[in-house]
C-alpha atoms as a PDB file:
ATOM      1  CA  MET A   1       3.761-107.895  57.543  1.00  0.00           C
ATOM      2  CA  LEU A   2       5.794-105.652  59.466  1.00  0.00           C
ATOM      3  CA  LYS A   3       9.262-106.710  57.127  1.00  0.00           C
ATOM      4  CA  ASN A   4       7.057-105.724  54.451  1.00  0.00           C
ATOM      5  CA  LEU A   5       6.320-102.325  55.599  1.00  0.00           C
ATOM      6  CA  LEU A   6       9.616-101.576  56.605  1.00  0.00           C
ATOM      7  CA  THR A   7      10.861-102.785  53.108  1.00  0.00           C
ATOM      8  CA  LEU A   8       8.191-100.113  51.640  1.00  0.00           C
ATOM      9  CA  SER A   9       9.464 -97.616  53.827  1.00  0.00           C
ATOM     10  CA  VAL A  10      13.194 -97.843  52.874  1.00  0.00           C
ATOM     11  CA  TYR A  11      12.415 -97.394  49.008  1.00  0.00           C
ATOM     12  CA  CYS A  12      10.260 -94.290  49.905  1.00  0.00           C
ATOM     13  CA  VAL A  13      13.220 -92.676  51.726  1.00  0.00           C
ATOM     14  CA  ILE A  14      15.755 -93.960  48.866  1.00  0.00           C
ATOM     15  CA  PHE A  15      13.007 -92.774  45.987  1.00  0.00           C
ATOM     16  CA  PHE A  16      12.448 -89.415  47.882  1.00  0.00           C
ATOM     17  CA  PHE A  17      16.040 -88.439  48.720  1.00  0.00           C
ATOM     18  CA  GLY A  18      16.956 -89.555  44.961  1.00  0.00           C
ATOM     19  CA  ASN A  19      14.712 -87.572  43.477  1.00  0.00           C
ATOM     20  CA  THR A  20      15.448 -84.475  45.454  1.00  0.00           C
ATOM     21  CA  ILE A  21      19.112 -84.476  44.591  1.00  0.00           C
ATOM     22  CA  ALA A  22      18.759 -85.113  40.774  1.00  0.00           C
ATOM     23  CA  PHE A  23      16.051 -82.446  41.085  1.00  0.00           C
ATOM     24  CA  SER A  24      18.936 -80.360  43.001  1.00  0.00           C
ATOM     25  CA  GLN A  25      21.399 -80.889  40.345  1.00  0.00           C
ATOM     26  CA  GLN A  26      18.839 -79.592  37.401  1.00  0.00           C
ATOM     27  CA  LYS A  27      17.286 -76.658  39.054  1.00  0.00           C
ATOM     28  CA  VAL A  28      17.748 -73.194  37.502  1.00  0.00           C
ATOM     29  CA  LEU A  29      20.804 -71.119  39.186  1.00  0.00           C
ATOM     30  CA  PRO A  30      19.776 -67.667  41.213  1.00  0.00           C
ATOM     31  CA  LYS A  31      19.595 -64.811  39.147  1.00  0.00           C
ATOM     32  CA  HIS A  32      22.810 -63.628  40.614  1.00  0.00           C
ATOM     33  CA  HIS A  33      24.447 -66.437  39.071  1.00  0.00           C
ATOM     34  CA  MET A  34      23.388 -65.872  35.530  1.00  0.00           C
ATOM     35  CA  SER A  35      25.419 -63.909  33.238  1.00  0.00           C
ATOM     36  CA  LEU A  36      23.470 -61.318  31.126  1.00  0.00           C
ATOM     37  CA  LYS A  37      23.492 -61.514  27.271  1.00  0.00           C
ATOM     38  CA  GLN A  38      25.521 -59.336  25.554  1.00  0.00           C
ATOM     39  CA  PRO A  39      23.457 -57.510  22.718  1.00  0.00           C
ATOM     40  CA  PRO A  40      25.488 -56.960  19.642  1.00  0.00           C
ATOM     41  CA  PHE A  41      27.614 -54.203  19.489  1.00  0.00           C
ATOM     42  CA  LEU A  42      26.935 -51.473  16.814  1.00  0.00           C
ATOM     43  CA  LYS A  43      29.010 -51.361  13.047  1.00  0.00           C
ATOM     44  CA  GLN A  44      28.842 -48.984  10.459  1.00  0.00           C
ATOM     45  CA  GLY A  45      25.342 -48.994   8.758  1.00  0.00           C
ATOM     46  CA  ASP A  46      23.845 -49.769  12.243  1.00  0.00           C
ATOM     47  CA  THR A  47      20.567 -48.031  13.165  1.00  0.00           C
ATOM     48  CA  VAL A  48      19.827 -46.182  16.332  1.00  0.00           C
ATOM     49  CA  ALA A  49      16.572 -45.307  16.981  1.00  0.00           C
ATOM     50  CA  ILE A  50      16.183 -41.922  19.093  1.00  0.00           C
ATOM     51  CA  VAL A  51      13.131 -41.654  21.597  1.00  0.00           C
ATOM     52  CA  ALA A  52      11.916 -39.861  23.991  1.00  0.00           C
ATOM     53  CA  PRO A  53      10.579 -42.137  27.042  1.00  0.00           C
ATOM     54  CA  ALA A  54      10.396 -39.640  29.641  1.00  0.00           C
ATOM     55  CA  GLY A  55      10.551 -35.691  29.902  1.00  0.00           C
ATOM     56  CA  ILE A  56       9.304 -33.167  27.367  1.00  0.00           C
ATOM     57  CA  LEU A  57      11.791 -31.678  25.025  1.00  0.00           C
ATOM     58  CA  LYS A  58      10.747 -28.301  24.400  1.00  0.00           C
ATOM     59  CA  ASN A  59      12.993 -26.057  22.884  1.00  0.00           C
ATOM     60  CA  ARG A  60      15.567 -29.040  22.235  1.00  0.00           C
ATOM     61  CA  GLU A  61      15.572 -29.588  18.733  1.00  0.00           C
ATOM     62  CA  GLY A  62      19.255 -28.371  18.302  1.00  0.00           C
ATOM     63  CA  GLU A  63      20.583 -30.875  20.632  1.00  0.00           C
ATOM     64  CA  ILE A  64      18.666 -33.966  19.033  1.00  0.00           C
ATOM     65  CA  ASN A  65      19.998 -32.738  15.451  1.00  0.00           C
ATOM     66  CA  LYS A  66      23.620 -32.412  17.318  1.00  0.00           C
ATOM     67  CA  ALA A  67      22.828 -36.190  18.314  1.00  0.00           C
ATOM     68  CA  LYS A  68      21.509 -37.092  14.827  1.00  0.00           C
ATOM     69  CA  ALA A  69      25.041 -35.490  13.051  1.00  0.00           C
ATOM     70  CA  LEU A  70      27.212 -37.348  15.774  1.00  0.00           C
ATOM     71  CA  LEU A  71      25.667 -40.859  14.770  1.00  0.00           C
ATOM     72  CA  LYS A  72      25.873 -40.007  11.026  1.00  0.00           C
ATOM     73  CA  SER A  73      29.459 -38.877  11.687  1.00  0.00           C
ATOM     74  CA  TRP A  74      30.291 -42.363  12.804  1.00  0.00           C
ATOM     75  CA  GLY A  75      28.710 -44.187   9.632  1.00  0.00           C
ATOM     76  CA  LEU A  76      24.973 -44.949  11.656  1.00  0.00           C
ATOM     77  CA  HIS A  77      21.602 -44.257  10.032  1.00  0.00           C
ATOM     78  CA  VAL A  78      18.858 -42.552  12.536  1.00  0.00           C
ATOM     79  CA  VAL A  79      15.555 -42.746  12.687  1.00  0.00           C
ATOM     80  CA  MET A  80      13.268 -40.693  14.826  1.00  0.00           C
ATOM     81  CA  GLY A  81      10.228 -41.837  16.922  1.00  0.00           C
ATOM     82  CA  LYS A  82       7.340 -40.782  15.645  1.00  0.00           C
ATOM     83  CA  TYR A  83       6.209 -38.547  19.202  1.00  0.00           C
ATOM     84  CA  VAL A  84       9.785 -37.379  20.514  1.00  0.00           C
ATOM     85  CA  TYR A  85       8.610 -33.773  20.053  1.00  0.00           C
ATOM     86  CA  ASN A  86       5.154 -34.331  21.271  1.00  0.00           C
ATOM     87  CA  LYS A  87       3.790 -32.474  24.651  1.00  0.00           C
ATOM     88  CA  GLY A  88       2.075 -34.185  27.023  1.00  0.00           C
ATOM     89  CA  ALA A  89       1.963 -32.011  30.465  1.00  0.00           C
ATOM     90  CA  HIS A  90       5.351 -32.929  32.090  1.00  0.00           C
ATOM     91  CA  PHE A  91       6.070 -35.355  29.647  1.00  0.00           C
ATOM     92  CA  ALA A  92       7.262 -36.045  25.894  1.00  0.00           C
ATOM     93  CA  GLY A  93       3.700 -36.877  24.755  1.00  0.00           C
ATOM     94  CA  THR A  94       1.326 -39.350  26.554  1.00  0.00           C
ATOM     95  CA  ASP A  95       2.339 -42.545  27.981  1.00  0.00           C
ATOM     96  CA  ASP A  96       0.847 -43.966  25.228  1.00  0.00           C
ATOM     97  CA  GLU A  97       2.700 -42.211  22.643  1.00  0.00           C
ATOM     98  CA  ARG A  98       5.643 -42.621  24.405  1.00  0.00           C
ATOM     99  CA  CYS A  99       5.316 -46.276  24.912  1.00  0.00           C
ATOM    100  CA  GLU A 100       4.356 -46.622  21.249  1.00  0.00           C
ATOM    101  CA  ASP A 101       7.442 -45.247  19.979  1.00  0.00           C
ATOM    102  CA  PHE A 102       9.427 -47.307  22.157  1.00  0.00           C
ATOM    103  CA  GLN A 103       7.709 -50.607  21.569  1.00  0.00           C
ATOM    104  CA  ASN A 104       8.063 -49.545  17.470  1.00  0.00           C
ATOM    105  CA  ALA A 105      11.832 -49.462  18.297  1.00  0.00           C
ATOM    106  CA  LEU A 106      12.036 -52.700  20.583  1.00  0.00           C
ATOM    107  CA  ASP A 107      10.370 -54.708  17.611  1.00  0.00           C
ATOM    108  CA  ASN A 108      12.261 -53.296  14.557  1.00  0.00           C
ATOM    109  CA  LYS A 109      14.615 -55.849  13.776  1.00  0.00           C
ATOM    110  CA  THR A 110      16.801 -53.445  11.710  1.00  0.00           C
ATOM    111  CA  ILE A 111      17.190 -50.937  14.651  1.00  0.00           C
ATOM    112  CA  SER A 112      20.442 -51.973  16.526  1.00  0.00           C
ATOM    113  CA  ALA A 113      20.196 -49.503  19.511  1.00  0.00           C
ATOM    114  CA  ILE A 114      17.617 -47.247  21.356  1.00  0.00           C
ATOM    115  CA  TRP A 115      19.127 -43.805  22.520  1.00  0.00           C
ATOM    116  CA  SER A 116      16.645 -41.631  24.543  1.00  0.00           C
ATOM    117  CA  ALA A 117      16.592 -38.059  24.098  1.00  0.00           C
ATOM    118  CA  ARG A 118      16.730 -36.892  27.707  1.00  0.00           C
ATOM    119  CA  GLY A 119      15.425 -38.303  30.984  1.00  0.00           C
ATOM    120  CA  GLY A 120      14.036 -36.124  33.471  1.00  0.00           C
ATOM    121  CA  TYR A 121      11.078 -38.311  34.718  1.00  0.00           C
ATOM    122  CA  GLY A 122       8.172 -40.640  33.357  1.00  0.00           C
ATOM    123  CA  SER A 123      10.270 -44.031  32.057  1.00  0.00           C
ATOM    124  CA  VAL A 124       8.066 -46.299  34.580  1.00  0.00           C
ATOM    125  CA  ARG A 125       4.858 -44.990  33.853  1.00  0.00           C
ATOM    126  CA  ILE A 126       5.482 -46.768  30.420  1.00  0.00           C
ATOM    127  CA  LEU A 127       7.287 -49.860  32.297  1.00  0.00           C
ATOM    128  CA  ASP A 128       3.849 -52.219  32.446  1.00  0.00           C
ATOM    129  CA  LYS A 129       2.906 -51.361  28.824  1.00  0.00           C
ATOM    130  CA  LEU A 130       5.933 -52.888  26.616  1.00  0.00           C
ATOM    131  CA  ASN A 131       6.268 -56.023  25.526  1.00  0.00           C
ATOM    132  CA  TRP A 132       9.623 -57.410  25.295  1.00  0.00           C
ATOM    133  CA  THR A 133       8.941 -60.514  23.282  1.00  0.00           C
ATOM    134  CA  LYS A 134      10.461 -59.495  19.844  1.00  0.00           C
ATOM    135  CA  PHE A 135      13.478 -57.576  21.989  1.00  0.00           C
ATOM    136  CA  LYS A 136      14.406 -61.054  23.837  1.00  0.00           C
ATOM    137  CA  GLU A 137      14.460 -62.485  20.381  1.00  0.00           C
ATOM    138  CA  ASN A 138      16.301 -59.677  18.816  1.00  0.00           C
ATOM    139  CA  PRO A 139      18.214 -57.452  21.909  1.00  0.00           C
ATOM    140  CA  LYS A 140      19.158 -54.383  21.343  1.00  0.00           C
ATOM    141  CA  TRP A 141      21.167 -51.841  23.176  1.00  0.00           C
ATOM    142  CA  ILE A 142      19.241 -49.540  25.667  1.00  0.00           C
ATOM    143  CA  ILE A 143      21.161 -46.200  26.336  1.00  0.00           C
ATOM    144  CA  GLY A 144      20.665 -43.795  28.908  1.00  0.00           C
ATOM    145  CA  TYR A 145      21.052 -42.311  32.314  1.00  0.00           C
ATOM    146  CA  SER A 146      19.046 -40.934  35.152  1.00  0.00           C
ATOM    147  CA  ASP A 147      15.286 -41.750  35.084  1.00  0.00           C
ATOM    148  CA  ILE A 148      16.195 -44.444  32.018  1.00  0.00           C
ATOM    149  CA  THR A 149      17.518 -46.307  35.289  1.00  0.00           C
ATOM    150  CA  ALA A 150      14.244 -47.994  35.409  1.00  0.00           C
ATOM    151  CA  ILE A 151      14.242 -49.214  32.191  1.00  0.00           C
ATOM    152  CA  HIS A 152      17.481 -50.482  32.951  1.00  0.00           C
ATOM    153  CA  CYS A 153      16.195 -52.279  35.685  1.00  0.00           C
ATOM    154  CA  GLU A 154      13.921 -53.735  33.526  1.00  0.00           C
ATOM    155  CA  VAL A 155      16.363 -54.894  30.848  1.00  0.00           C
ATOM    156  CA  GLN A 156      18.554 -56.290  33.521  1.00  0.00           C
ATOM    157  CA  ASN A 157      16.098 -58.672  34.997  1.00  0.00           C
ATOM    158  CA  LEU A 158      14.943 -59.875  31.684  1.00  0.00           C
ATOM    159  CA  GLY A 159      19.065 -61.259  31.222  1.00  0.00           C
ATOM    160  CA  PHE A 160      20.317 -58.412  29.036  1.00  0.00           C
ATOM    161  CA  GLN A 161      23.270 -56.196  29.190  1.00  0.00           C
ATOM    162  CA  SER A 162      22.201 -51.826  28.910  1.00  0.00           C
ATOM    163  CA  LEU A 163      24.476 -49.093  28.434  1.00  0.00           C
ATOM    164  CA  HIS A 164      24.451 -46.281  31.298  1.00  0.00           C
ATOM    165  CA  ALA A 165      25.827 -43.378  29.216  1.00  0.00           C
ATOM    166  CA  MET A 166      24.975 -39.666  27.833  1.00  0.00           C
ATOM    167  CA  MET A 167      22.025 -39.156  26.054  1.00  0.00           C
ATOM    168  CA  CYS A 168      20.489 -36.637  23.194  1.00  0.00           C
ATOM    169  CA  THR A 169      20.576 -33.581  25.373  1.00  0.00           C
ATOM    170  CA  SER A 170      23.827 -34.174  26.478  1.00  0.00           C
ATOM    171  CA  LEU A 171      24.885 -32.242  23.695  1.00  0.00           C
ATOM    172  CA  GLN A 172      23.477 -28.697  25.242  1.00  0.00           C
ATOM    173  CA  ASP A 173      27.487 -28.987  26.242  1.00  0.00           C
ATOM    174  CA  ASN A 174      30.034 -27.758  23.636  1.00  0.00           C
ATOM    175  CA  ALA A 175      31.268 -31.268  22.331  1.00  0.00           C
ATOM    176  CA  GLU A 176      34.861 -30.173  23.207  1.00  0.00           C
ATOM    177  CA  THR A 177      34.062 -29.914  26.751  1.00  0.00           C
ATOM    178  CA  ILE A 178      32.412 -33.530  26.714  1.00  0.00           C
ATOM    179  CA  ALA A 179      35.180 -35.123  24.397  1.00  0.00           C
ATOM    180  CA  ALA A 180      35.887 -37.747  27.031  1.00  0.00           C
ATOM    181  CA  THR A 181      32.228 -38.447  27.506  1.00  0.00           C
ATOM    182  CA  ILE A 182      31.116 -38.863  23.888  1.00  0.00           C
ATOM    183  CA  SER A 183      34.593 -40.938  23.358  1.00  0.00           C
ATOM    184  CA  SER A 184      33.427 -43.199  26.255  1.00  0.00           C
ATOM    185  CA  PHE A 185      30.292 -43.454  24.721  1.00  0.00           C
ATOM    186  CA  LYS A 186      31.532 -44.381  20.947  1.00  0.00           C
ATOM    187  CA  ASP A 187      33.702 -47.409  22.819  1.00  0.00           C
ATOM    188  CA  ALA A 188      30.758 -48.810  24.269  1.00  0.00           C
ATOM    189  CA  ILE A 189      28.239 -48.997  21.729  1.00  0.00           C
ATOM    190  CA  PHE A 190      30.986 -50.181  19.203  1.00  0.00           C
ATOM    191  CA  GLY A 191      32.737 -52.503  21.313  1.00  0.00           C
ATOM    192  CA  GLU A 192      35.811 -51.550  22.222  1.00  0.00           C
ATOM    193  CA  GLN A 193      37.005 -52.202  25.769  1.00  0.00           C
ATOM    194  CA  LEU A 194      36.641 -50.188  28.529  1.00  0.00           C
ATOM    195  CA  SER A 195      38.536 -49.403  31.412  1.00  0.00           C
ATOM    196  CA  TYR A 196      38.633 -46.178  33.741  1.00  0.00           C
ATOM    197  CA  THR A 197      41.372 -45.189  36.481  1.00  0.00           C
ATOM    198  CA  LEU A 198      39.696 -43.116  39.329  1.00  0.00           C
ATOM    199  CA  LYS A 199      41.318 -40.749  41.402  1.00  0.00           C
ATOM    200  CA  GLY A 200      41.640 -41.837  45.030  1.00  0.00           C
ATOM    201  CA  SER A 201      40.024 -41.064  48.064  1.00  0.00           C
ATOM    202  CA  LYS A 202      40.534 -41.392  51.472  1.00  0.00           C
ATOM    203  CA  TYR A 203      37.085 -42.257  51.925  1.00  0.00           C
ATOM    204  CA  ASN A 204      37.665 -45.460  49.719  1.00  0.00           C
ATOM    205  CA  GLN A 205      37.299 -48.887  51.146  1.00  0.00           C
ATOM    206  CA  PRO A 206      39.951 -51.158  49.418  1.00  0.00           C
ATOM    207  CA  GLY A 207      39.665 -54.833  47.978  1.00  0.00           C
ATOM    208  CA  THR A 208      39.111 -56.626  44.790  1.00  0.00           C
ATOM    209  CA  VAL A 209      36.325 -58.240  43.185  1.00  0.00           C
ATOM    210  CA  SER A 210      34.512 -59.145  40.023  1.00  0.00           C
ATOM    211  CA  ALA A 211      31.476 -59.096  39.078  1.00  0.00           C
ATOM    212  CA  PRO A 212      28.161 -58.140  36.603  1.00  0.00           C
ATOM    213  CA  LEU A 213      27.580 -54.181  37.356  1.00  0.00           C
ATOM    214  CA  VAL A 214      24.244 -53.068  37.867  1.00  0.00           C
ATOM    215  CA  GLY A 215      22.464 -49.718  38.761  1.00  0.00           C
ATOM    216  CA  GLY A 216      22.115 -46.369  38.136  1.00  0.00           C
ATOM    217  CA  ASN A 217      20.372 -43.346  39.647  1.00  0.00           C
ATOM    218  CA  LEU A 218      19.948 -43.973  43.757  1.00  0.00           C
ATOM    219  CA  THR A 219      16.497 -42.284  43.304  1.00  0.00           C
ATOM    220  CA  ILE A 220      15.001 -44.333  40.726  1.00  0.00           C
ATOM    221  CA  LEU A 221      16.747 -47.285  42.216  1.00  0.00           C
ATOM    222  CA  HIS A 222      14.571 -46.860  45.442  1.00  0.00           C
ATOM    223  CA  THR A 223      11.671 -46.184  43.552  1.00  0.00           C
ATOM    224  CA  MET A 224      11.543 -49.958  42.303  1.00  0.00           C
ATOM    225  CA  LEU A 225      12.033 -51.836  45.752  1.00  0.00           C
ATOM    226  CA  GLY A 226       8.941 -53.878  45.841  1.00  0.00           C
ATOM    227  CA  SER A 227       8.408 -53.797  42.283  1.00  0.00           C
ATOM    228  CA  LYS A 228       8.988 -56.551  40.107  1.00  0.00           C
ATOM    229  CA  THR A 229      11.498 -54.094  38.460  1.00  0.00           C
ATOM    230  CA  SER A 230      13.807 -53.869  41.398  1.00  0.00           C
ATOM    231  CA  ILE A 231      17.010 -55.697  40.696  1.00  0.00           C
ATOM    232  CA  ASP A 232      18.711 -58.786  42.077  1.00  0.00           C
ATOM    233  CA  THR A 233      21.808 -56.888  43.792  1.00  0.00           C
ATOM    234  CA  SER A 234      23.531 -60.510  45.449  1.00  0.00           C
ATOM    235  CA  GLY A 235      26.742 -61.319  43.979  1.00  0.00           C
ATOM    236  CA  LYS A 236      27.381 -58.205  41.622  1.00  0.00           C
ATOM    237  CA  ILE A 237      28.996 -54.813  41.953  1.00  0.00           C
ATOM    238  CA  VAL A 238      26.479 -51.666  42.823  1.00  0.00           C
ATOM    239  CA  PHE A 239      26.794 -48.231  40.948  1.00  0.00           C
ATOM    240  CA  ILE A 240      24.944 -45.690  42.375  1.00  0.00           C
ATOM    241  CA  GLU A 241      24.681 -41.652  41.344  1.00  0.00           C
ATOM    242  CA  GLU A 242      22.634 -38.664  42.437  1.00  0.00           C
ATOM    243  CA  ILE A 243      21.248 -35.015  41.373  1.00  0.00           C
ATOM    244  CA  GLY A 244      19.407 -32.202  43.601  1.00  0.00           C
ATOM    245  CA  GLU A 245      19.185 -34.003  46.811  1.00  0.00           C
ATOM    246  CA  TYR A 246      19.499 -33.422  50.020  1.00  0.00           C
ATOM    247  CA  LYS A 247      21.363 -35.282  52.042  1.00  0.00           C
ATOM    248  CA  TYR A 248      19.176 -36.484  54.490  1.00  0.00           C
ATOM    249  CA  HIS A 249      17.105 -37.672  51.506  1.00  0.00           C
ATOM    250  CA  ILE A 250      20.248 -39.601  49.756  1.00  0.00           C
ATOM    251  CA  ASP A 251      20.610 -41.141  53.643  1.00  0.00           C
ATOM    252  CA  ARG A 252      17.157 -42.276  53.919  1.00  0.00           C
ATOM    253  CA  MET A 253      17.317 -44.013  50.532  1.00  0.00           C
ATOM    254  CA  LEU A 254      20.031 -45.966  51.417  1.00  0.00           C
ATOM    255  CA  GLN A 255      19.023 -46.591  54.687  1.00  0.00           C
ATOM    256  CA  SER A 256      15.244 -47.761  52.836  1.00  0.00           C
ATOM    257  CA  LEU A 257      17.635 -50.225  50.526  1.00  0.00           C
ATOM    258  CA  LYS A 258      19.716 -51.369  53.285  1.00  0.00           C
ATOM    259  CA  ARG A 259      16.437 -52.673  55.312  1.00  0.00           C
ATOM    260  CA  ALA A 260      15.199 -54.025  52.125  1.00  0.00           C
ATOM    261  CA  GLY A 261      18.349 -56.472  52.137  1.00  0.00           C
ATOM    262  CA  TYR A 262      19.430 -54.496  48.722  1.00  0.00           C
ATOM    263  CA  PHE A 263      23.344 -54.567  50.196  1.00  0.00           C
ATOM    264  CA  ASP A 264      23.386 -58.031  51.664  1.00  0.00           C
ATOM    265  CA  GLY A 265      24.873 -59.632  48.980  1.00  0.00           C
ATOM    266  CA  CYS A 266      26.736 -57.129  47.140  1.00  0.00           C
ATOM    267  CA  LYS A 267      30.219 -57.867  46.248  1.00  0.00           C
ATOM    268  CA  GLY A 268      31.254 -53.931  45.833  1.00  0.00           C
ATOM    269  CA  LEU A 269      30.176 -50.252  45.594  1.00  0.00           C
ATOM    270  CA  ILE A 270      31.004 -47.759  43.130  1.00  0.00           C
ATOM    271  CA  ILE A 271      30.080 -43.955  43.834  1.00  0.00           C
ATOM    272  CA  GLY A 272      29.304 -41.775  40.894  1.00  0.00           C
ATOM    273  CA  ASP A 273      28.771 -38.089  40.633  1.00  0.00           C
ATOM    274  CA  MET A 274      26.489 -36.639  43.242  1.00  0.00           C
ATOM    275  CA  THR A 275      25.505 -33.133  41.900  1.00  0.00           C
ATOM    276  CA  LYS A 276      23.562 -30.324  42.988  1.00  0.00           C
ATOM    277  CA  ILE A 277      23.458 -31.452  46.698  1.00  0.00           C
ATOM    278  CA  LYS A 278      21.032 -28.926  48.525  1.00  0.00           C
ATOM    279  CA  LYS A 279      21.853 -27.339  51.690  1.00  0.00           C
ATOM    280  CA  ASN A 280      19.644 -28.222  54.432  1.00  0.00           C
ATOM    281  CA  THR A 281      18.510 -25.525  56.942  1.00  0.00           C
ATOM    282  CA  THR A 282      19.615 -27.980  59.748  1.00  0.00           C
ATOM    283  CA  PRO A 283      23.400 -29.087  58.546  1.00  0.00           C
ATOM    284  CA  TRP A 284      23.914 -32.976  57.997  1.00  0.00           C
ATOM    285  CA  GLY A 285      27.530 -32.800  59.678  1.00  0.00           C
ATOM    286  CA  THR A 286      29.589 -34.832  57.290  1.00  0.00           C
ATOM    287  CA  SER A 287      30.986 -34.983  53.667  1.00  0.00           C
ATOM    288  CA  ILE A 288      28.076 -36.896  51.370  1.00  0.00           C
ATOM    289  CA  GLU A 289      31.445 -39.630  51.348  1.00  0.00           C
ATOM    290  CA  GLN A 290      31.419 -40.183  54.971  1.00  0.00           C
ATOM    291  CA  LEU A 291      27.113 -39.790  55.026  1.00  0.00           C
ATOM    292  CA  ILE A 292      27.693 -43.367  52.131  1.00  0.00           C
ATOM    293  CA  LEU A 293      29.963 -45.197  54.533  1.00  0.00           C
ATOM    294  CA  ASP A 294      28.315 -44.534  58.077  1.00  0.00           C
ATOM    295  CA  ALA A 295      25.157 -45.879  56.317  1.00  0.00           C
ATOM    296  CA  LEU A 296      26.674 -48.755  55.003  1.00  0.00           C
ATOM    297  CA  SER A 297      29.499 -49.156  57.961  1.00  0.00           C
ATOM    298  CA  GLU A 298      28.479 -53.157  58.364  1.00  0.00           C
ATOM    299  CA  TYR A 299      29.550 -54.248  55.005  1.00  0.00           C
ATOM    300  CA  ASN A 300      32.981 -55.022  54.273  1.00  0.00           C
ATOM    301  CA  PHE A 301      32.770 -54.798  50.441  1.00  0.00           C
ATOM    302  CA  PRO A 302      35.130 -52.525  48.513  1.00  0.00           C
ATOM    303  CA  ILE A 303      33.759 -49.084  47.705  1.00  0.00           C
ATOM    304  CA  ALA A 304      35.295 -46.626  45.232  1.00  0.00           C
ATOM    305  CA  PHE A 305      34.491 -42.766  45.025  1.00  0.00           C
ATOM    306  CA  ASN A 306      34.908 -40.577  42.715  1.00  0.00           C
ATOM    307  CA  MET A 307      33.665 -42.496  39.228  1.00  0.00           C
ATOM    308  CA  LYS A 308      32.948 -39.865  36.243  1.00  0.00           C
ATOM    309  CA  ALA A 309      29.193 -40.650  35.821  1.00  0.00           C
ATOM    310  CA  GLY A 310      26.155 -39.220  36.333  1.00  0.00           C
ATOM    311  CA  HIS A 311      24.962 -35.567  35.991  1.00  0.00           C
ATOM    312  CA  GLU A 312      28.266 -33.856  35.405  1.00  0.00           C
ATOM    313  CA  LYS A 313      29.428 -33.300  32.176  1.00  0.00           C
ATOM    314  CA  ASP A 314      32.063 -36.044  32.121  1.00  0.00           C
ATOM    315  CA  ASN A 315      29.463 -38.516  31.994  1.00  0.00           C
ATOM    316  CA  ARG A 316      31.535 -41.885  30.796  1.00  0.00           C
ATOM    317  CA  ALA A 317      29.885 -44.983  29.840  1.00  0.00           C
ATOM    318  CA  LEU A 318      29.272 -48.251  31.874  1.00  0.00           C
ATOM    319  CA  ILE A 319      28.059 -51.503  30.595  1.00  0.00           C
ATOM    320  CA  LEU A 320      25.465 -52.529  32.892  1.00  0.00           C
ATOM    321  CA  GLY A 321      25.369 -56.410  33.589  1.00  0.00           C
ATOM    322  CA  LYS A 322      28.787 -56.521  32.108  1.00  0.00           C
ATOM    323  CA  THR A 323      31.465 -58.555  34.286  1.00  0.00           C
ATOM    324  CA  THR A 324      33.255 -55.903  36.126  1.00  0.00           C
ATOM    325  CA  VAL A 325      36.826 -55.844  37.807  1.00  0.00           C
ATOM    326  CA  LEU A 326      36.615 -53.311  39.954  1.00  0.00           C
ATOM    327  CA  GLU A 327      40.080 -52.965  42.493  1.00  0.00           C
ATOM    328  CA  VAL A 328      39.958 -50.239  45.260  1.00  0.00           C
ATOM    329  CA  SER A 329      42.785 -49.202  46.899  1.00  0.00           C
ATOM    330  CA  LYS A 330      43.399 -45.354  48.916  1.00  0.00           C
ATOM    331  CA  GLU A 331      45.226 -44.065  45.885  1.00  0.00           C
ATOM    332  CA  GLN A 332      43.315 -44.801  43.193  1.00  0.00           C
ATOM    333  CA  SER A 333      40.311 -47.469  41.950  1.00  0.00           C
ATOM    334  CA  LEU A 334      40.329 -49.555  38.942  1.00  0.00           C
ATOM    335  CA  ILE A 335      37.520 -50.533  37.090  1.00  0.00           C
ATOM    336  CA  LYS A 336      37.607 -52.758  33.975  1.00  0.00           C
ATOM    337  CA  PHE A 337      34.829 -54.450  32.050  1.00  0.00           C
ATOM    338  CA  ILE A 338      36.063 -58.108  30.756  1.00  0.00           C
ATOM    339  CA  ASP A 339      34.075 -60.801  28.790  1.00  0.00           C
END
């Protein structure tokens, strides 16, 4: 009897560990090891939908018309969301109207890209109303920055790349003054290889890494914390930009992200424009660059300052979710998107 029990125990151990090994070999890789899928790049004859998922477009018809003309000059067709010019308090129409426009663009197989007319605030209010089923079957480029970061986070969590780039209202500036912005946007949507050489900085934290790029507006990334839309930054290079905040607000957001483990598995950090930083009655005492370094002092991943992306006229396109080589030195930094 004892011999039979011992034999049975051995078989149970073998069965348990054998199946555990087999399961471990078949288990799904963590999100940060999965490459994000790339929507098809545009070609002449494709269609771009212009929608307004966030702020109101009061007296902005001129910029929208310029945006339509720009796309048409590149051989692209344009369709407008039904409610783009609607007014719903702070927003471009009600939540349901903005959602309907965005949903129609997601579901329409003839549309190759969805270009946000402007940011502002409001994208988060429609996120949970959107159905991404048809988008996953027929992915397309989602384009915008600032408040559109909320939608970028959603798209990245679905496993797809998206485009952090100029919006229609960027054309409030003369085309000649934002030529580099427009050029990088065009290159990005048509699949030309993007690479940027950044001016050096004494604050740069040197190093070289290759990883997918994620991120966007710091406030929106911070707002996503604790929700299903918060992105997994493990094994990623993170990009951040900001506008109109006090330095202590920026420090507070970085501290919150850090305490949530946001930077624990991060491979690198790219700092975009920190625009219109407000002056507090009590001075912070250091530069914004030093503030960032101090907040992240326990990490040794490369940090590159001076990326021309964010709320300035020179706002270069970034392909979020695409594998990126980041080489950082005090003298300069190189950002190159690779296949």
